[in-house]
N, C-alpha and C. Protein backbone atom coordinates (compact mmCIF):
# COMPACT_ATOMS: atom_id res chain seq x y z
N MET A 1 -2.86 -33.85 80.46
CA MET A 1 -3.26 -33.00 81.55
C MET A 1 -3.26 -31.55 81.09
N ALA A 2 -4.21 -30.82 81.56
CA ALA A 2 -4.25 -29.39 81.30
C ALA A 2 -3.21 -28.71 82.19
N PRO A 3 -2.67 -27.59 81.76
CA PRO A 3 -1.70 -26.86 82.60
C PRO A 3 -2.35 -26.45 83.92
N LEU A 4 -1.54 -26.41 84.96
CA LEU A 4 -2.03 -25.98 86.26
C LEU A 4 -2.21 -24.47 86.27
N GLU A 5 -3.28 -24.02 86.90
CA GLU A 5 -3.48 -22.60 87.07
C GLU A 5 -2.71 -22.18 88.32
N PHE A 6 -1.91 -21.14 88.19
CA PHE A 6 -1.10 -20.67 89.32
C PHE A 6 -0.95 -19.16 89.21
N ASN A 7 -1.31 -18.45 90.27
CA ASN A 7 -1.27 -17.00 90.22
C ASN A 7 -0.01 -16.42 90.85
N GLY A 8 0.90 -17.26 91.32
CA GLY A 8 2.14 -16.79 91.91
C GLY A 8 2.04 -16.47 93.38
N LEU A 9 0.85 -16.52 93.93
CA LEU A 9 0.66 -16.18 95.34
C LEU A 9 0.10 -17.32 96.17
N GLU A 10 -0.77 -18.12 95.57
CA GLU A 10 -1.44 -19.19 96.30
C GLU A 10 -0.96 -20.55 95.79
N ASP A 11 -1.20 -21.59 96.57
CA ASP A 11 -0.84 -22.94 96.16
C ASP A 11 -1.58 -23.34 94.89
N SER A 12 -0.95 -24.18 94.11
CA SER A 12 -1.58 -24.76 92.94
C SER A 12 -1.58 -26.27 93.16
N VAL A 13 -2.75 -26.89 93.13
CA VAL A 13 -2.82 -28.34 93.35
C VAL A 13 -3.02 -29.05 92.02
N PHE A 14 -2.52 -30.26 91.95
CA PHE A 14 -2.65 -31.05 90.73
C PHE A 14 -4.11 -31.42 90.50
N GLN A 15 -4.49 -31.47 89.24
CA GLN A 15 -5.85 -31.83 88.89
C GLN A 15 -6.07 -33.32 89.17
N PRO A 16 -7.21 -33.69 89.75
CA PRO A 16 -7.47 -35.10 90.02
C PRO A 16 -7.91 -35.89 88.79
N TYR A 17 -8.35 -35.20 87.73
CA TYR A 17 -8.85 -35.89 86.55
C TYR A 17 -8.09 -35.47 85.30
N ASN A 18 -7.94 -36.41 84.36
CA ASN A 18 -7.28 -36.07 83.10
C ASN A 18 -8.30 -35.46 82.14
N ARG A 19 -7.88 -35.19 80.91
CA ARG A 19 -8.77 -34.53 79.94
C ARG A 19 -9.96 -35.40 79.54
N ASP A 20 -9.84 -36.73 79.75
CA ASP A 20 -10.95 -37.63 79.45
C ASP A 20 -11.84 -37.85 80.66
N ASN A 21 -11.63 -37.05 81.71
CA ASN A 21 -12.39 -37.10 82.96
C ASN A 21 -12.22 -38.42 83.72
N HIS A 22 -11.06 -39.06 83.54
CA HIS A 22 -10.73 -40.26 84.31
C HIS A 22 -9.87 -39.83 85.50
N LEU A 23 -10.10 -40.48 86.64
CA LEU A 23 -9.32 -40.18 87.83
C LEU A 23 -7.84 -40.40 87.53
N TYR A 24 -7.05 -39.38 87.74
CA TYR A 24 -5.62 -39.40 87.42
C TYR A 24 -4.78 -39.39 88.69
N MET A 25 -5.23 -38.64 89.68
CA MET A 25 -4.45 -38.46 90.90
C MET A 25 -5.41 -38.24 92.05
N GLU A 26 -5.03 -38.77 93.19
CA GLU A 26 -5.86 -38.59 94.37
C GLU A 26 -4.98 -38.25 95.56
N TYR A 27 -5.34 -37.21 96.27
CA TYR A 27 -4.64 -36.87 97.50
C TYR A 27 -5.24 -37.69 98.62
N ILE A 28 -4.44 -38.51 99.29
CA ILE A 28 -4.99 -39.38 100.33
C ILE A 28 -4.44 -39.06 101.71
N GLU A 29 -3.40 -38.24 101.77
CA GLU A 29 -2.84 -37.91 103.07
C GLU A 29 -2.10 -36.58 102.98
N PHE A 30 -2.31 -35.71 103.95
CA PHE A 30 -1.58 -34.45 104.04
C PHE A 30 -0.34 -34.69 104.88
N LEU A 31 0.82 -34.39 104.32
CA LEU A 31 2.08 -34.68 105.01
C LEU A 31 2.75 -33.45 105.59
N GLY A 32 2.07 -32.32 105.55
CA GLY A 32 2.62 -31.13 106.16
C GLY A 32 3.14 -30.12 105.16
N THR A 33 3.68 -29.04 105.70
CA THR A 33 4.25 -27.96 104.92
C THR A 33 5.74 -27.91 105.21
N TYR A 34 6.53 -27.72 104.19
CA TYR A 34 7.99 -27.75 104.32
C TYR A 34 8.60 -26.49 103.70
N ALA A 35 9.67 -26.02 104.29
CA ALA A 35 10.38 -24.86 103.76
C ALA A 35 11.15 -25.23 102.49
N ASP A 36 11.48 -26.50 102.34
CA ASP A 36 12.21 -26.98 101.17
C ASP A 36 11.67 -28.37 100.83
N ILE A 37 12.02 -28.87 99.68
CA ILE A 37 11.54 -30.18 99.23
C ILE A 37 12.05 -31.25 100.19
N PRO A 38 11.14 -32.07 100.78
CA PRO A 38 11.56 -33.12 101.72
C PRO A 38 12.02 -34.38 100.97
N VAL A 39 13.19 -34.30 100.37
CA VAL A 39 13.69 -35.37 99.50
C VAL A 39 13.71 -36.71 100.22
N ASP A 40 14.16 -36.74 101.48
CA ASP A 40 14.24 -38.01 102.20
C ASP A 40 12.87 -38.66 102.35
N ILE A 41 11.83 -37.87 102.59
CA ILE A 41 10.47 -38.41 102.71
C ILE A 41 9.97 -38.91 101.36
N ILE A 42 10.26 -38.16 100.30
CA ILE A 42 9.83 -38.55 98.96
C ILE A 42 10.49 -39.86 98.54
N VAL A 43 11.80 -39.95 98.73
CA VAL A 43 12.53 -41.17 98.35
C VAL A 43 12.03 -42.36 99.17
N ALA A 44 11.78 -42.16 100.45
CA ALA A 44 11.26 -43.25 101.29
C ALA A 44 9.90 -43.72 100.77
N GLY A 45 9.05 -42.79 100.33
CA GLY A 45 7.75 -43.15 99.75
C GLY A 45 7.90 -43.94 98.47
N TRP A 46 8.82 -43.51 97.61
CA TRP A 46 9.09 -44.26 96.37
C TRP A 46 9.58 -45.66 96.68
N GLU A 47 10.49 -45.77 97.65
CA GLU A 47 11.03 -47.09 98.01
C GLU A 47 9.93 -47.99 98.55
N LYS A 48 9.01 -47.44 99.29
CA LYS A 48 7.89 -48.23 99.82
C LYS A 48 7.00 -48.72 98.67
N ALA A 49 6.76 -47.85 97.69
CA ALA A 49 5.86 -48.18 96.58
C ALA A 49 6.52 -49.06 95.52
N TYR A 50 7.80 -48.79 95.20
CA TYR A 50 8.44 -49.45 94.07
C TYR A 50 9.58 -50.40 94.44
N GLY A 51 10.01 -50.33 95.69
CA GLY A 51 11.13 -51.16 96.13
C GLY A 51 12.44 -50.39 96.11
N ARG A 52 13.25 -50.64 97.12
CA ARG A 52 14.51 -49.91 97.27
C ARG A 52 15.44 -50.08 96.08
N GLU A 53 15.55 -51.31 95.59
CA GLU A 53 16.48 -51.58 94.48
C GLU A 53 16.11 -50.78 93.23
N LYS A 54 14.82 -50.75 92.90
CA LYS A 54 14.39 -50.01 91.70
C LYS A 54 14.67 -48.52 91.85
N VAL A 55 14.37 -47.96 93.02
CA VAL A 55 14.57 -46.53 93.25
C VAL A 55 16.06 -46.20 93.21
N GLN A 56 16.89 -47.02 93.82
CA GLN A 56 18.33 -46.77 93.79
C GLN A 56 18.87 -46.87 92.35
N THR A 57 18.30 -47.75 91.55
CA THR A 57 18.68 -47.84 90.13
C THR A 57 18.32 -46.55 89.41
N TRP A 58 17.11 -46.02 89.66
CA TRP A 58 16.70 -44.75 89.05
C TRP A 58 17.67 -43.65 89.41
N ILE A 59 18.01 -43.55 90.68
CA ILE A 59 18.90 -42.49 91.15
C ILE A 59 20.27 -42.62 90.49
N ARG A 60 20.79 -43.83 90.46
CA ARG A 60 22.11 -44.06 89.84
C ARG A 60 22.09 -43.67 88.35
N GLU A 61 21.04 -44.10 87.64
CA GLU A 61 20.95 -43.79 86.21
C GLU A 61 20.85 -42.28 85.97
N LEU A 62 20.09 -41.59 86.80
CA LEU A 62 19.98 -40.14 86.65
C LEU A 62 21.32 -39.45 86.92
N GLU A 63 22.02 -39.90 87.95
CA GLU A 63 23.33 -39.31 88.25
C GLU A 63 24.31 -39.57 87.12
N GLU A 64 24.30 -40.77 86.56
CA GLU A 64 25.22 -41.10 85.46
C GLU A 64 24.88 -40.33 84.18
N ALA A 65 23.62 -39.97 84.00
CA ALA A 65 23.20 -39.24 82.79
C ALA A 65 23.68 -37.80 82.78
N GLN A 66 24.06 -37.28 83.92
CA GLN A 66 24.60 -35.92 84.04
C GLN A 66 23.71 -34.87 83.38
N GLY A 67 22.41 -34.95 83.68
CA GLY A 67 21.48 -33.94 83.18
C GLY A 67 20.85 -34.24 81.83
N LYS A 68 21.29 -35.28 81.16
CA LYS A 68 20.70 -35.63 79.87
C LYS A 68 19.41 -36.43 80.09
N THR A 69 18.45 -36.31 79.18
CA THR A 69 17.21 -37.07 79.26
C THR A 69 17.51 -38.53 78.98
N ILE A 70 17.03 -39.40 79.86
CA ILE A 70 17.34 -40.83 79.69
C ILE A 70 16.10 -41.69 79.50
N TRP A 71 14.90 -41.12 79.72
CA TRP A 71 13.68 -41.91 79.61
C TRP A 71 12.76 -41.35 78.55
N ASN A 72 11.99 -42.25 77.96
CA ASN A 72 10.95 -41.86 77.02
C ASN A 72 9.62 -42.10 77.71
N PHE A 73 8.92 -41.02 78.02
CA PHE A 73 7.65 -41.10 78.73
C PHE A 73 6.70 -42.09 78.09
N TYR A 74 6.65 -42.14 76.77
CA TYR A 74 5.69 -42.98 76.07
C TYR A 74 6.05 -44.46 76.10
N GLN A 75 7.26 -44.79 76.56
CA GLN A 75 7.66 -46.19 76.64
C GLN A 75 7.74 -46.69 78.09
N GLU A 76 7.32 -45.87 79.04
CA GLU A 76 7.37 -46.27 80.45
C GLU A 76 6.36 -47.35 80.75
N ASP A 77 6.71 -48.22 81.70
CA ASP A 77 5.77 -49.23 82.18
C ASP A 77 4.76 -48.58 83.11
N VAL A 78 3.52 -48.98 83.00
CA VAL A 78 2.50 -48.50 83.92
C VAL A 78 2.62 -49.33 85.20
N VAL A 79 2.68 -48.63 86.34
CA VAL A 79 2.86 -49.32 87.61
C VAL A 79 1.54 -49.40 88.33
């Protein structure tokens, strides 16, 4: 992905296509504007998509890692 353009004043949206011009991301629903990150909504969305057990495992592993990197992006499973 190319870096996002951001001028510090306006929103910066993720690019829908990767460098090979393949669809990478699609916005399908606007969920509103928040003063802070809506963690509960995000986690609920992950649980819906990936299952509660998998998401809780991710959270536990991240907490146990205490800030250390625990995943290798290039070895992740494609979902």
